[in-house]
Amino acid sequence: MTLKELAAQDWIEVVSSEYDDAQIKGVYTSDLLSDVMANAEEDSVLITIQAHNNAIAVASLAGINGIIICNNRPVPDDMPATARKEHIALFRTAHNQFKTSCLMGKLINGA
């Protein structure tokens, strides 16, 4: 699955559409950014409620290609600009982290 294919899902809102399309090779769900830095795999998508620029910085360091903000949390005005600058896809969903993780698991595994 690619980031553009993820963007086409009806449960995803695209917050920042300027990013490099890439294969999604994994998914990591966490709200603790130090945990993300230590454990997330490159070329993955981060599922979180952390809607601020530190999440973008951590994603950039960890080689994460996209972030899904859950629970329709508001995204600050500067976050999409930072995501564009770092070429990281930024999405939002009304679902919580558990539901989003399950949906992503089905998409990634082709179920």
N, C-alpha and C. Protein backbone atom coordinates (compact mmCIF):
# COMPACT_ATOMS: atom_id res chain seq x y z
N MET A 1 0.84 -1.17 0.00
CA MET A 1 0.00 0.00 0.00
C MET A 1 0.89 1.24 0.00
N THR A 2 0.44 2.27 -0.68
CA THR A 2 1.17 3.52 -0.72
C THR A 2 0.44 4.60 0.08
N LEU A 3 1.13 5.70 0.32
CA LEU A 3 0.51 6.82 1.02
C LEU A 3 -0.68 7.37 0.25
N LYS A 4 -0.58 7.41 -1.07
CA LYS A 4 -1.70 7.91 -1.88
C LYS A 4 -2.90 6.97 -1.79
N GLU A 5 -2.66 5.68 -1.71
CA GLU A 5 -3.76 4.73 -1.53
C GLU A 5 -4.40 4.92 -0.16
N LEU A 6 -3.59 5.19 0.85
CA LEU A 6 -4.13 5.48 2.18
C LEU A 6 -4.98 6.74 2.13
N ALA A 7 -4.51 7.76 1.43
CA ALA A 7 -5.24 9.03 1.34
C ALA A 7 -6.61 8.85 0.71
N ALA A 8 -6.78 7.82 -0.10
CA ALA A 8 -8.06 7.58 -0.78
C ALA A 8 -9.10 6.88 0.10
N GLN A 9 -8.71 6.45 1.29
CA GLN A 9 -9.65 5.76 2.18
C GLN A 9 -10.70 6.75 2.68
N ASP A 10 -11.95 6.28 2.80
CA ASP A 10 -13.03 7.19 3.19
C ASP A 10 -13.01 7.60 4.66
N TRP A 11 -12.19 6.97 5.46
CA TRP A 11 -12.11 7.30 6.88
C TRP A 11 -10.91 8.20 7.19
N ILE A 12 -10.21 8.61 6.15
CA ILE A 12 -9.00 9.45 6.29
C ILE A 12 -9.27 10.84 5.72
N GLU A 13 -8.82 11.84 6.45
CA GLU A 13 -8.83 13.21 5.96
C GLU A 13 -7.37 13.60 5.69
N VAL A 14 -7.11 14.10 4.51
CA VAL A 14 -5.77 14.54 4.16
C VAL A 14 -5.59 15.96 4.69
N VAL A 15 -4.63 16.14 5.59
CA VAL A 15 -4.36 17.45 6.18
C VAL A 15 -3.27 18.16 5.39
N SER A 16 -2.27 17.42 4.95
CA SER A 16 -1.19 17.97 4.14
C SER A 16 -0.98 17.05 2.95
N SER A 17 -1.28 17.55 1.77
CA SER A 17 -1.25 16.69 0.58
C SER A 17 0.06 16.76 -0.19
N GLU A 18 1.00 17.56 0.27
CA GLU A 18 2.29 17.66 -0.41
C GLU A 18 3.31 16.77 0.29
N TYR A 19 3.51 15.59 -0.27
CA TYR A 19 4.46 14.63 0.28
C TYR A 19 4.91 13.70 -0.84
N ASP A 20 6.00 13.02 -0.61
CA ASP A 20 6.48 12.04 -1.57
C ASP A 20 5.69 10.76 -1.38
N ASP A 21 5.05 10.27 -2.45
CA ASP A 21 4.33 9.01 -2.33
C ASP A 21 5.34 7.91 -2.05
N ALA A 22 5.02 7.04 -1.13
CA ALA A 22 5.95 5.97 -0.74
C ALA A 22 5.16 4.75 -0.31
N GLN A 23 5.81 3.61 -0.38
CA GLN A 23 5.23 2.37 0.14
C GLN A 23 5.14 2.47 1.66
N ILE A 24 4.05 1.98 2.19
CA ILE A 24 3.91 1.86 3.65
C ILE A 24 4.32 0.45 4.00
N LYS A 25 5.43 0.33 4.74
CA LYS A 25 5.96 -1.00 5.08
C LYS A 25 5.58 -1.43 6.48
N GLY A 26 5.04 -0.51 7.28
CA GLY A 26 4.66 -0.84 8.64
C GLY A 26 3.83 0.27 9.25
N VAL A 27 3.36 0.00 10.44
CA VAL A 27 2.55 0.95 11.19
C VAL A 27 3.03 0.91 12.63
N TYR A 28 3.10 2.08 13.26
CA TYR A 28 3.48 2.14 14.66
C TYR A 28 2.49 3.05 15.37
N THR A 29 1.94 2.57 16.47
CA THR A 29 0.95 3.32 17.24
C THR A 29 1.54 3.65 18.60
N SER A 30 1.67 4.96 18.87
CA SER A 30 2.19 5.39 20.16
C SER A 30 1.97 6.89 20.31
N ASP A 31 1.80 7.31 21.55
CA ASP A 31 1.71 8.72 21.88
C ASP A 31 2.96 9.20 22.62
N LEU A 32 3.86 8.29 22.88
CA LEU A 32 5.11 8.62 23.56
C LEU A 32 6.20 8.75 22.50
N LEU A 33 6.59 9.97 22.20
CA LEU A 33 7.48 10.20 21.07
C LEU A 33 8.86 9.58 21.24
N SER A 34 9.35 9.46 22.46
CA SER A 34 10.63 8.78 22.66
C SER A 34 10.51 7.30 22.31
N ASP A 35 9.35 6.71 22.56
CA ASP A 35 9.09 5.33 22.18
C ASP A 35 9.08 5.19 20.66
N VAL A 36 8.49 6.15 19.99
CA VAL A 36 8.47 6.14 18.52
C VAL A 36 9.88 6.19 17.97
N MET A 37 10.71 7.09 18.50
CA MET A 37 12.09 7.20 18.03
C MET A 37 12.86 5.90 18.23
N ALA A 38 12.59 5.22 19.33
CA ALA A 38 13.34 4.00 19.64
C ALA A 38 12.84 2.77 18.89
N ASN A 39 11.56 2.75 18.51
CA ASN A 39 10.99 1.48 18.04
C ASN A 39 10.30 1.49 16.68
N ALA A 40 9.93 2.63 16.17
CA ALA A 40 9.22 2.66 14.88
C ALA A 40 10.18 2.30 13.75
N GLU A 41 9.66 1.60 12.77
CA GLU A 41 10.46 1.21 11.61
C GLU A 41 10.40 2.30 10.55
N GLU A 42 11.45 2.37 9.75
CA GLU A 42 11.45 3.29 8.61
C GLU A 42 10.34 2.91 7.64
N ASP A 43 9.91 3.90 6.88
CA ASP A 43 8.87 3.72 5.86
C ASP A 43 7.56 3.22 6.46
N SER A 44 7.27 3.71 7.66
CA SER A 44 6.02 3.34 8.31
C SER A 44 5.12 4.56 8.46
N VAL A 45 3.95 4.32 9.02
CA VAL A 45 3.00 5.38 9.35
C VAL A 45 2.84 5.37 10.86
N LEU A 46 2.85 6.56 11.44
CA LEU A 46 2.66 6.71 12.88
C LEU A 46 1.20 7.05 13.16
N ILE A 47 0.60 6.31 14.07
CA ILE A 47 -0.76 6.57 14.54
C ILE A 47 -0.65 7.15 15.94
N THR A 48 -1.21 8.35 16.14
CA THR A 48 -1.02 9.07 17.40
C THR A 48 -2.10 10.12 17.61
N ILE A 49 -2.12 10.69 18.81
CA ILE A 49 -2.95 11.87 19.07
C ILE A 49 -2.06 13.10 19.25
N GLN A 50 -0.77 12.95 19.08
CA GLN A 50 0.19 14.05 19.27
C GLN A 50 0.14 14.98 18.06
N ALA A 51 -0.67 16.01 18.13
CA ALA A 51 -0.86 16.94 17.02
C ALA A 51 -0.03 18.20 17.25
N HIS A 52 1.28 18.08 17.02
CA HIS A 52 2.17 19.23 17.15
C HIS A 52 3.45 18.94 16.37
N ASN A 53 4.28 19.95 16.21
CA ASN A 53 5.47 19.82 15.38
C ASN A 53 6.50 18.83 15.91
N ASN A 54 6.49 18.52 17.20
CA ASN A 54 7.43 17.52 17.71
C ASN A 54 7.16 16.15 17.08
N ALA A 55 5.90 15.85 16.79
CA ALA A 55 5.58 14.59 16.13
C ALA A 55 6.19 14.54 14.73
N ILE A 56 6.19 15.66 14.03
CA ILE A 56 6.82 15.73 12.71
C ILE A 56 8.33 15.54 12.84
N ALA A 57 8.93 16.19 13.80
CA ALA A 57 10.38 16.07 14.01
C ALA A 57 10.77 14.62 14.29
N VAL A 58 10.02 13.96 15.16
CA VAL A 58 10.31 12.57 15.50
C VAL A 58 10.11 11.68 14.27
N ALA A 59 9.05 11.92 13.52
CA ALA A 59 8.81 11.13 12.31
C ALA A 59 9.96 11.29 11.33
N SER A 60 10.45 12.50 11.18
CA SER A 60 11.56 12.75 10.28
C SER A 60 12.82 12.00 10.73
N LEU A 61 13.12 12.05 12.02
CA LEU A 61 14.29 11.34 12.56
C LEU A 61 14.17 9.84 12.39
N ALA A 62 12.96 9.31 12.55
CA ALA A 62 12.75 7.87 12.50
C ALA A 62 12.51 7.33 11.09
N GLY A 63 12.42 8.21 10.11
CA GLY A 63 12.19 7.75 8.74
C GLY A 63 10.74 7.36 8.49
N ILE A 64 9.83 7.94 9.24
CA ILE A 64 8.40 7.67 9.09
C ILE A 64 7.86 8.55 7.96
N ASN A 65 7.06 7.97 7.08
CA ASN A 65 6.57 8.68 5.90
C ASN A 65 5.24 9.38 6.10
N GLY A 66 4.48 8.98 7.11
CA GLY A 66 3.16 9.56 7.30
C GLY A 66 2.72 9.50 8.75
N ILE A 67 1.85 10.41 9.11
CA ILE A 67 1.29 10.47 10.46
C ILE A 67 -0.22 10.54 10.35
N ILE A 68 -0.91 9.73 11.15
CA ILE A 68 -2.36 9.81 11.26
C ILE A 68 -2.69 10.32 12.65
N ILE A 69 -3.33 11.48 12.72
CA ILE A 69 -3.78 12.06 13.98
C ILE A 69 -5.19 11.53 14.24
N CYS A 70 -5.41 10.94 15.41
CA CYS A 70 -6.68 10.29 15.73
C CYS A 70 -7.63 11.21 16.52
N ASN A 71 -8.84 10.74 16.66
CA ASN A 71 -9.89 11.38 17.46
C ASN A 71 -10.25 12.78 16.95
N ASN A 72 -10.03 13.03 15.66
CA ASN A 72 -10.30 14.35 15.07
C ASN A 72 -9.69 15.49 15.86
N ARG A 73 -8.53 15.22 16.46
CA ARG A 73 -7.86 16.29 17.22
C ARG A 73 -7.53 17.45 16.30
N PRO A 74 -7.66 18.66 16.80
CA PRO A 74 -7.30 19.81 15.97
C PRO A 74 -5.81 19.81 15.66
N VAL A 75 -5.50 20.18 14.44
CA VAL A 75 -4.11 20.26 13.99
C VAL A 75 -3.73 21.73 13.95
N PRO A 76 -2.67 22.12 14.68
CA PRO A 76 -2.27 23.53 14.67
C PRO A 76 -1.87 23.99 13.26
N ASP A 77 -2.06 25.26 13.01
CA ASP A 77 -1.81 25.82 11.68
C ASP A 77 -0.39 25.57 11.17
N ASP A 78 0.58 25.52 12.06
CA ASP A 78 1.97 25.36 11.61
C ASP A 78 2.35 23.90 11.32
N MET A 79 1.55 22.95 11.77
CA MET A 79 1.92 21.54 11.60
C MET A 79 1.88 21.09 10.13
N PRO A 80 0.85 21.42 9.34
CA PRO A 80 0.88 21.01 7.93
C PRO A 80 2.07 21.59 7.17
N ALA A 81 2.43 22.84 7.46
CA ALA A 81 3.58 23.46 6.79
C ALA A 81 4.87 22.71 7.13
N THR A 82 5.01 22.33 8.38
CA THR A 82 6.20 21.57 8.79
C THR A 82 6.21 20.20 8.13
N ALA A 83 5.05 19.55 8.05
CA ALA A 83 4.96 18.24 7.39
C ALA A 83 5.36 18.36 5.91
N ARG A 84 4.88 19.40 5.23
CA ARG A 84 5.24 19.60 3.82
C ARG A 84 6.75 19.79 3.68
N LYS A 85 7.32 20.58 4.57
CA LYS A 85 8.76 20.85 4.53
C LYS A 85 9.57 19.56 4.68
N GLU A 86 9.09 18.65 5.52
CA GLU A 86 9.78 17.38 5.78
C GLU A 86 9.32 16.26 4.85
N HIS A 87 8.40 16.54 3.93
CA HIS A 87 7.87 15.55 2.98
C HIS A 87 7.19 14.38 3.70
N ILE A 88 6.46 14.71 4.76
CA ILE A 88 5.74 13.70 5.53
C ILE A 88 4.24 13.91 5.32
N ALA A 89 3.56 12.85 4.95
CA ALA A 89 2.11 12.92 4.75
C ALA A 89 1.44 13.10 6.12
N LEU A 90 0.44 13.96 6.16
CA LEU A 90 -0.26 14.22 7.42
C LEU A 90 -1.75 13.99 7.20
N PHE A 91 -2.30 13.07 7.98
CA PHE A 91 -3.70 12.69 7.88
C PHE A 91 -4.38 12.84 9.24
N ARG A 92 -5.72 12.83 9.19
CA ARG A 92 -6.50 12.85 10.43
C ARG A 92 -7.68 11.92 10.24
N THR A 93 -8.14 11.35 11.35
CA THR A 93 -9.30 10.47 11.34
C THR A 93 -10.14 10.69 12.59
N ALA A 94 -11.40 10.38 12.51
CA ALA A 94 -12.29 10.46 13.67
C ALA A 94 -12.10 9.26 14.59
N HIS A 95 -11.49 8.19 14.07
CA HIS A 95 -11.32 6.97 14.86
C HIS A 95 -10.25 7.13 15.93
N ASN A 96 -10.35 6.30 16.97
CA ASN A 96 -9.31 6.27 18.00
C ASN A 96 -8.13 5.44 17.50
N GLN A 97 -7.09 5.37 18.33
CA GLN A 97 -5.87 4.68 17.90
C GLN A 97 -6.09 3.19 17.66
N PHE A 98 -6.93 2.56 18.49
CA PHE A 98 -7.17 1.13 18.33
C PHE A 98 -7.85 0.83 17.00
N LYS A 99 -8.95 1.53 16.73
CA LYS A 99 -9.70 1.32 15.48
C LYS A 99 -8.81 1.64 14.27
N THR A 100 -8.06 2.72 14.35
CA THR A 100 -7.18 3.10 13.25
C THR A 100 -6.11 2.04 13.02
N SER A 101 -5.55 1.52 14.10
CA SER A 101 -4.54 0.46 13.99
C SER A 101 -5.14 -0.78 13.33
N CYS A 102 -6.34 -1.15 13.72
CA CYS A 102 -7.00 -2.32 13.11
C CYS A 102 -7.25 -2.11 11.61
N LEU A 103 -7.75 -0.92 11.26
CA LEU A 103 -7.97 -0.61 9.84
C LEU A 103 -6.68 -0.65 9.04
N MET A 104 -5.62 -0.09 9.62
CA MET A 104 -4.33 -0.09 8.93
C MET A 104 -3.79 -1.51 8.79
N GLY A 105 -3.96 -2.32 9.83
CA GLY A 105 -3.52 -3.71 9.75
C GLY A 105 -4.19 -4.46 8.61
N LYS A 106 -5.49 -4.23 8.44
CA LYS A 106 -6.22 -4.87 7.34
C LYS A 106 -5.71 -4.38 5.99
N LEU A 107 -5.48 -3.08 5.89
CA LEU A 107 -5.00 -2.52 4.62
C LEU A 107 -3.61 -3.04 4.26
N ILE A 108 -2.73 -3.06 5.23
CA ILE A 108 -1.34 -3.46 4.99
C ILE A 108 -1.27 -4.96 4.67
N ASN A 109 -2.08 -5.74 5.36
CA ASN A 109 -2.05 -7.20 5.17
C ASN A 109 -2.98 -7.69 4.09
N GLY A 110 -3.69 -6.76 3.44
CA GLY A 110 -4.56 -7.14 2.33
C GLY A 110 -5.80 -7.91 2.74
N ALA A 111 -6.23 -7.74 3.99
CA ALA A 111 -7.42 -8.47 4.45
C ALA A 111 -8.69 -7.74 4.10
